[in-house]
Amino acid sequence: MNATRLIGIVLIVAGIAGLGLGGFSFTRETHQAKLGPLELSVKEKETVNFPVWAGVAAIVAGAALLVFGGRKG
């Protein structure tokens, strides 16, 4: 298996995962103030959404690499 086919498979899997999950969330902790031994911090929940067109584009690009990537000349 050459690198082009491997990249194609990774793109297809990433595109399917992006369509299936739709996005992911994470928590970010920010330090607001530090007054001597006291430290105030805030935890914020951030959400990242994957656009549907990006998932479809990744699947199409991966499929194209699988079909046409292994051909020479």
PDB file of N, CA and C in Angstrom:
ATOM      1  N   MET A   1       0.860  -1.173   0.000  1.00  0.00           N
ATOM      2  CA  MET A   1       0.000   0.000   0.000  1.00  0.00           C
ATOM      3  C   MET A   1       0.908   1.238   0.000  1.00  0.00           C
ATOM      4  N   ASN A   2       0.665   2.117  -0.947  1.00  0.00           N
ATOM      5  CA  ASN A   2       1.502   3.312  -1.029  1.00  0.00           C
ATOM      6  C   ASN A   2       0.897   4.452  -0.211  1.00  0.00           C
ATOM      7  N   ALA A   3       1.634   5.537  -0.094  1.00  0.00           N
ATOM      8  CA  ALA A   3       1.220   6.660   0.744  1.00  0.00           C
ATOM      9  C   ALA A   3      -0.057   7.327   0.228  1.00  0.00           C
ATOM     10  N   THR A   4      -0.243   7.377  -1.084  1.00  0.00           N
ATOM     11  CA  THR A   4      -1.435   8.024  -1.646  1.00  0.00           C
ATOM     12  C   THR A   4      -2.701   7.289  -1.236  1.00  0.00           C
ATOM     13  N   ARG A   5      -2.673   5.979  -1.293  1.00  0.00           N
ATOM     14  CA  ARG A   5      -3.846   5.201  -0.881  1.00  0.00           C
ATOM     15  C   ARG A   5      -4.094   5.328   0.619  1.00  0.00           C
ATOM     16  N   LEU A   6      -3.037   5.376   1.396  1.00  0.00           N
ATOM     17  CA  LEU A   6      -3.185   5.527   2.844  1.00  0.00           C
ATOM     18  C   LEU A   6      -3.822   6.876   3.182  1.00  0.00           C
ATOM     19  N   ILE A   7      -3.381   7.934   2.527  1.00  0.00           N
ATOM     20  CA  ILE A   7      -3.971   9.262   2.739  1.00  0.00           C
ATOM     21  C   ILE A   7      -5.438   9.259   2.320  1.00  0.00           C
ATOM     22  N   GLY A   8      -5.753   8.570   1.227  1.00  0.00           N
ATOM     23  CA  GLY A   8      -7.141   8.462   0.783  1.00  0.00           C
ATOM     24  C   GLY A   8      -8.019   7.790   1.819  1.00  0.00           C
ATOM     25  N   ILE A   9      -7.526   6.724   2.422  1.00  0.00           N
ATOM     26  CA  ILE A   9      -8.298   6.017   3.452  1.00  0.00           C
ATOM     27  C   ILE A   9      -8.482   6.906   4.676  1.00  0.00           C
ATOM     28  N   VAL A  10      -7.430   7.613   5.068  1.00  0.00           N
ATOM     29  CA  VAL A  10      -7.527   8.510   6.227  1.00  0.00           C
ATOM     30  C   VAL A  10      -8.546   9.619   5.968  1.00  0.00           C
ATOM     31  N   LEU A  11      -8.554  10.170   4.749  1.00  0.00           N
ATOM     32  CA  LEU A  11      -9.527  11.218   4.417  1.00  0.00           C
ATOM     33  C   LEU A  11     -10.957  10.692   4.461  1.00  0.00           C
ATOM     34  N   ILE A  12     -11.170   9.493   3.959  1.00  0.00           N
ATOM     35  CA  ILE A  12     -12.517   8.906   3.979  1.00  0.00           C
ATOM     36  C   ILE A  12     -12.979   8.683   5.419  1.00  0.00           C
ATOM     37  N   VAL A  13     -12.100   8.121   6.252  1.00  0.00           N
ATOM     38  CA  VAL A  13     -12.467   7.877   7.651  1.00  0.00           C
ATOM     39  C   VAL A  13     -12.731   9.197   8.380  1.00  0.00           C
ATOM     40  N   ALA A  14     -11.898  10.211   8.139  1.00  0.00           N
ATOM     41  CA  ALA A  14     -12.097  11.511   8.775  1.00  0.00           C
ATOM     42  C   ALA A  14     -13.404  12.152   8.309  1.00  0.00           C
ATOM     43  N   GLY A  15     -13.728  12.023   7.023  1.00  0.00           N
ATOM     44  CA  GLY A  15     -14.977  12.580   6.508  1.00  0.00           C
ATOM     45  C   GLY A  15     -16.199  11.914   7.103  1.00  0.00           C
ATOM     46  N   ILE A  16     -16.163  10.597   7.236  1.00  0.00           N
ATOM     47  CA  ILE A  16     -17.281   9.868   7.845  1.00  0.00           C
ATOM     48  C   ILE A  16     -17.415  10.246   9.316  1.00  0.00           C
ATOM     49  N   ALA A  17     -16.279  10.360  10.013  1.00  0.00           N
ATOM     50  CA  ALA A  17     -16.318  10.752  11.426  1.00  0.00           C
ATOM     51  C   ALA A  17     -16.868  12.168  11.578  1.00  0.00           C
ATOM     52  N   GLY A  18     -16.466  13.071  10.690  1.00  0.00           N
ATOM     53  CA  GLY A  18     -16.964  14.440  10.749  1.00  0.00           C
ATOM     54  C   GLY A  18     -18.465  14.517  10.525  1.00  0.00           C
ATOM     55  N   LEU A  19     -18.956  13.727   9.586  1.00  0.00           N
ATOM     56  CA  LEU A  19     -20.401  13.713   9.339  1.00  0.00           C
ATOM     57  C   LEU A  19     -21.151  13.066  10.491  1.00  0.00           C
ATOM     58  N   GLY A  20     -20.578  12.006  11.048  1.00  0.00           N
ATOM     59  CA  GLY A  20     -21.253  11.284  12.127  1.00  0.00           C
ATOM     60  C   GLY A  20     -21.283  12.052  13.434  1.00  0.00           C
ATOM     61  N   LEU A  21     -20.165  12.666  13.784  1.00  0.00           N
ATOM     62  CA  LEU A  21     -20.084  13.383  15.059  1.00  0.00           C
ATOM     63  C   LEU A  21     -20.682  14.777  14.974  1.00  0.00           C
ATOM     64  N   GLY A  22     -20.454  15.452  13.876  1.00  0.00           N
ATOM     65  CA  GLY A  22     -20.963  16.812  13.718  1.00  0.00           C
ATOM     66  C   GLY A  22     -20.131  17.862  14.419  1.00  0.00           C
ATOM     67  N   GLY A  23     -19.256  17.466  15.314  1.00  0.00           N
ATOM     68  CA  GLY A  23     -18.411  18.407  16.041  1.00  0.00           C
ATOM     69  C   GLY A  23     -17.938  17.793  17.341  1.00  0.00           C
ATOM     70  N   PHE A  24     -17.206  18.583  18.132  1.00  0.00           N
ATOM     71  CA  PHE A  24     -16.759  18.115  19.434  1.00  0.00           C
ATOM     72  C   PHE A  24     -16.705  19.294  20.398  1.00  0.00           C
ATOM     73  N   SER A  25     -16.693  18.972  21.684  1.00  0.00           N
ATOM     74  CA  SER A  25     -16.647  19.987  22.733  1.00  0.00           C
ATOM     75  C   SER A  25     -15.424  19.763  23.609  1.00  0.00           C
ATOM     76  N   PHE A  26     -14.917  20.857  24.163  1.00  0.00           N
ATOM     77  CA  PHE A  26     -13.822  20.763  25.120  1.00  0.00           C
ATOM     78  C   PHE A  26     -13.963  21.876  26.138  1.00  0.00           C
ATOM     79  N   THR A  27     -13.320  21.700  27.279  1.00  0.00           N
ATOM     80  CA  THR A  27     -13.376  22.685  28.344  1.00  0.00           C
ATOM     81  C   THR A  27     -12.040  23.402  28.441  1.00  0.00           C
ATOM     82  N   ARG A  28     -12.099  24.724  28.457  1.00  0.00           N
ATOM     83  CA  ARG A  28     -10.890  25.537  28.547  1.00  0.00           C
ATOM     84  C   ARG A  28     -10.931  26.298  29.867  1.00  0.00           C
ATOM     85  N   GLU A  29      -9.833  26.219  30.604  1.00  0.00           N
ATOM     86  CA  GLU A  29      -9.745  26.911  31.874  1.00  0.00           C
ATOM     87  C   GLU A  29      -8.912  28.172  31.702  1.00  0.00           C
ATOM     88  N   THR A  30      -9.476  29.305  32.112  1.00  0.00           N
ATOM     89  CA  THR A  30      -8.757  30.570  32.018  1.00  0.00           C
ATOM     90  C   THR A  30      -8.568  31.134  33.425  1.00  0.00           C
ATOM     91  N   HIS A  31      -7.419  31.702  33.666  1.00  0.00           N
ATOM     92  CA  HIS A  31      -7.123  32.306  34.964  1.00  0.00           C
ATOM     93  C   HIS A  31      -7.467  33.787  34.889  1.00  0.00           C
ATOM     94  N   GLN A  32      -8.446  34.187  35.680  1.00  0.00           N
ATOM     95  CA  GLN A  32      -8.943  35.557  35.639  1.00  0.00           C
ATOM     96  C   GLN A  32      -8.119  36.502  36.511  1.00  0.00           C
ATOM     97  N   ALA A  33      -7.810  36.078  37.740  1.00  0.00           N
ATOM     98  CA  ALA A  33      -7.101  36.984  38.643  1.00  0.00           C
ATOM     99  C   ALA A  33      -6.288  36.177  39.643  1.00  0.00           C
ATOM    100  N   LYS A  34      -5.195  36.756  40.078  1.00  0.00           N
ATOM    101  CA  LYS A  34      -4.364  36.122  41.081  1.00  0.00           C
ATOM    102  C   LYS A  34      -4.038  37.182  42.138  1.00  0.00           C
ATOM    103  N   LEU A  35      -4.621  37.024  43.316  1.00  0.00           N
ATOM    104  CA  LEU A  35      -4.441  37.973  44.408  1.00  0.00           C
ATOM    105  C   LEU A  35      -3.750  37.254  45.570  1.00  0.00           C
ATOM    106  N   GLY A  36      -2.446  37.361  45.619  1.00  0.00           N
ATOM    107  CA  GLY A  36      -1.688  36.673  46.666  1.00  0.00           C
ATOM    108  C   GLY A  36      -1.871  35.172  46.542  1.00  0.00           C
ATOM    109  N   PRO A  37      -2.297  34.500  47.617  1.00  0.00           N
ATOM    110  CA  PRO A  37      -2.490  33.051  47.550  1.00  0.00           C
ATOM    111  C   PRO A  37      -3.808  32.645  46.871  1.00  0.00           C
ATOM    112  N   LEU A  38      -4.689  33.595  46.635  1.00  0.00           N
ATOM    113  CA  LEU A  38      -5.976  33.295  46.000  1.00  0.00           C
ATOM    114  C   LEU A  38      -5.862  33.405  44.480  1.00  0.00           C
ATOM    115  N   GLU A  39      -6.433  32.435  43.804  1.00  0.00           N
ATOM    116  CA  GLU A  39      -6.425  32.456  42.341  1.00  0.00           C
ATOM    117  C   GLU A  39      -7.829  32.165  41.842  1.00  0.00           C
ATOM    118  N   LEU A  40      -8.345  33.035  41.018  1.00  0.00           N
ATOM    119  CA  LEU A  40      -9.685  32.869  40.449  1.00  0.00           C
ATOM    120  C   LEU A  40      -9.549  32.366  39.018  1.00  0.00           C
ATOM    121  N   SER A  41     -10.313  31.335  38.694  1.00  0.00           N
ATOM    122  CA  SER A  41     -10.277  30.809  37.330  1.00  0.00           C
ATOM    123  C   SER A  41     -11.697  30.501  36.876  1.00  0.00           C
ATOM    124  N   VAL A  42     -11.866  30.483  35.571  1.00  0.00           N
ATOM    125  CA  VAL A  42     -13.169  30.214  34.961  1.00  0.00           C
ATOM    126  C   VAL A  42     -12.999  29.085  33.954  1.00  0.00           C
ATOM    127  N   LYS A  43     -13.916  28.134  33.988  1.00  0.00           N
ATOM    128  CA  LYS A  43     -13.912  27.053  33.005  1.00  0.00           C
ATOM    129  C   LYS A  43     -14.996  27.336  31.980  1.00  0.00           C
ATOM    130  N   GLU A  44     -14.581  27.398  30.731  1.00  0.00           N
ATOM    131  CA  GLU A  44     -15.521  27.674  29.635  1.00  0.00           C
ATOM    132  C   GLU A  44     -15.615  26.457  28.737  1.00  0.00           C
ATOM    133  N   LYS A  45     -16.830  26.092  28.363  1.00  0.00           N
ATOM    134  CA  LYS A  45     -17.036  24.974  27.453  1.00  0.00           C
ATOM    135  C   LYS A  45     -17.098  25.516  26.027  1.00  0.00           C
ATOM    136  N   GLU A  46     -16.211  25.041  25.190  1.00  0.00           N
ATOM    137  CA  GLU A  46     -16.133  25.457  23.790  1.00  0.00           C
ATOM    138  C   GLU A  46     -16.650  24.326  22.901  1.00  0.00           C
ATOM    139  N   THR A  47     -17.319  24.677  21.826  1.00  0.00           N
ATOM    140  CA  THR A  47     -17.823  23.698  20.872  1.00  0.00           C
ATOM    141  C   THR A  47     -17.301  24.032  19.479  1.00  0.00           C
ATOM    142  N   VAL A  48     -16.780  23.012  18.799  1.00  0.00           N
ATOM    143  CA  VAL A  48     -16.305  23.159  17.424  1.00  0.00           C
ATOM    144  C   VAL A  48     -17.202  22.306  16.543  1.00  0.00           C
ATOM    145  N   ASN A  49     -17.863  22.914  15.574  1.00  0.00           N
ATOM    146  CA  ASN A  49     -18.742  22.191  14.655  1.00  0.00           C
ATOM    147  C   ASN A  49     -18.032  21.949  13.330  1.00  0.00           C
ATOM    148  N   PHE A  50     -18.225  20.736  12.782  1.00  0.00           N
ATOM    149  CA  PHE A  50     -17.687  20.404  11.468  1.00  0.00           C
ATOM    150  C   PHE A  50     -18.742  20.728  10.418  1.00  0.00           C
ATOM    151  N   PRO A  51     -18.400  21.505   9.396  1.00  0.00           N
ATOM    152  CA  PRO A  51     -19.372  21.748   8.329  1.00  0.00           C
ATOM    153  C   PRO A  51     -19.630  20.459   7.538  1.00  0.00           C
ATOM    154  N   VAL A  52     -20.861  20.279   7.111  1.00  0.00           N
ATOM    155  CA  VAL A  52     -21.219  19.088   6.336  1.00  0.00           C
ATOM    156  C   VAL A  52     -20.420  19.040   5.040  1.00  0.00           C
ATOM    157  N   TRP A  53     -20.229  20.211   4.393  1.00  0.00           N
ATOM    158  CA  TRP A  53     -19.507  20.226   3.116  1.00  0.00           C
ATOM    159  C   TRP A  53     -18.066  19.768   3.296  1.00  0.00           C
ATOM    160  N   ALA A  54     -17.469  20.015   4.466  1.00  0.00           N
ATOM    161  CA  ALA A  54     -16.084  19.590   4.691  1.00  0.00           C
ATOM    162  C   ALA A  54     -16.002  18.064   4.806  1.00  0.00           C
ATOM    163  N   GLY A  55     -16.978  17.451   5.465  1.00  0.00           N
ATOM    164  CA  GLY A  55     -16.998  15.990   5.562  1.00  0.00           C
ATOM    165  C   GLY A  55     -17.200  15.336   4.205  1.00  0.00           C
ATOM    166  N   VAL A  56     -18.122  15.886   3.423  1.00  0.00           N
ATOM    167  CA  VAL A  56     -18.376  15.346   2.085  1.00  0.00           C
ATOM    168  C   VAL A  56     -17.149  15.540   1.187  1.00  0.00           C
ATOM    169  N   ALA A  57     -16.518  16.710   1.282  1.00  0.00           N
ATOM    170  CA  ALA A  57     -15.325  16.976   0.477  1.00  0.00           C
ATOM    171  C   ALA A  57     -14.181  16.025   0.838  1.00  0.00           C
ATOM    172  N   ALA A  58     -14.029  15.722   2.113  1.00  0.00           N
ATOM    173  CA  ALA A  58     -12.977  14.791   2.532  1.00  0.00           C
ATOM    174  C   ALA A  58     -13.245  13.392   1.989  1.00  0.00           C
ATOM    175  N   ILE A  59     -14.502  12.966   1.997  1.00  0.00           N
ATOM    176  CA  ILE A  59     -14.847  11.638   1.471  1.00  0.00           C
ATOM    177  C   ILE A  59     -14.598  11.588  -0.030  1.00  0.00           C
ATOM    178  N   VAL A  60     -15.007  12.618  -0.756  1.00  0.00           N
ATOM    179  CA  VAL A  60     -14.813  12.660  -2.211  1.00  0.00           C
ATOM    180  C   VAL A  60     -13.324  12.687  -2.556  1.00  0.00           C
ATOM    181  N   ALA A  61     -12.555  13.509  -1.837  1.00  0.00           N
ATOM    182  CA  ALA A  61     -11.114  13.593  -2.104  1.00  0.00           C
ATOM    183  C   ALA A  61     -10.425  12.263  -1.783  1.00  0.00           C
ATOM    184  N   GLY A  62     -10.825  11.635  -0.692  1.00  0.00           N
ATOM    185  CA  GLY A  62     -10.243  10.338  -0.339  1.00  0.00           C
ATOM    186  C   GLY A  62     -10.567   9.273  -1.369  1.00  0.00           C
ATOM    187  N   ALA A  63     -11.809   9.267  -1.844  1.00  0.00           N
ATOM    188  CA  ALA A  63     -12.201   8.292  -2.869  1.00  0.00           C
ATOM    189  C   ALA A  63     -11.427   8.541  -4.167  1.00  0.00           C
ATOM    190  N   ALA A  64     -11.239   9.808  -4.523  1.00  0.00           N
ATOM    191  CA  ALA A  64     -10.475  10.126  -5.724  1.00  0.00           C
ATOM    192  C   ALA A  64      -9.027   9.664  -5.600  1.00  0.00           C
ATOM    193  N   LEU A  65      -8.450   9.823  -4.419  1.00  0.00           N
ATOM    194  CA  LEU A  65      -7.079   9.352  -4.217  1.00  0.00           C
ATOM    195  C   LEU A  65      -6.988   7.830  -4.312  1.00  0.00           C
ATOM    196  N   LEU A  66      -8.015   7.140  -3.787  1.00  0.00           N
ATOM    197  CA  LEU A  66      -8.000   5.680  -3.890  1.00  0.00           C
ATOM    198  C   LEU A  66      -8.137   5.211  -5.328  1.00  0.00           C
ATOM    199  N   VAL A  67      -9.009   5.866  -6.081  1.00  0.00           N
ATOM    200  CA  VAL A  67      -9.263   5.426  -7.456  1.00  0.00           C
ATOM    201  C   VAL A  67      -8.134   5.839  -8.393  1.00  0.00           C
ATOM    202  N   PHE A  68      -7.718   7.091  -8.315  1.00  0.00           N
ATOM    203  CA  PHE A  68      -6.748   7.619  -9.280  1.00  0.00           C
ATOM    204  C   PHE A  68      -5.331   7.725  -8.742  1.00  0.00           C
ATOM    205  N   GLY A  69      -5.135   7.596  -7.446  1.00  0.00           N
ATOM    206  CA  GLY A  69      -3.827   7.816  -6.845  1.00  0.00           C
ATOM    207  C   GLY A  69      -2.787   6.760  -7.147  1.00  0.00           C
ATOM    208  N   GLY A  70      -3.209   5.541  -7.385  1.00  0.00           N
ATOM    209  CA  GLY A  70      -2.259   4.466  -7.620  1.00  0.00           C
ATOM    210  C   GLY A  70      -1.812   4.314  -9.054  1.00  0.00           C
ATOM    211  N   ARG A  71      -2.380   5.090  -9.953  1.00  0.00           N
ATOM    212  CA  ARG A  71      -2.060   4.973 -11.377  1.00  0.00           C
ATOM    213  C   ARG A  71      -0.805   5.761 -11.721  1.00  0.00           C
ATOM    214  N   LYS A  72      -0.014   5.212 -12.609  1.00  0.00           N
ATOM    215  CA  LYS A  72       1.192   5.895 -13.082  1.00  0.00           C
ATOM    216  C   LYS A  72       1.065   6.118 -14.576  1.00  0.00           C
ATOM    217  N   GLY A  73       1.404   7.363 -14.971  1.00  0.00           N
ATOM    218  CA  GLY A  73       1.445   7.705 -16.400  1.00  0.00           C
ATOM    219  C   GLY A  73       0.142   7.592 -17.038  1.00  0.00           C
TER     220      GLY A  73
END
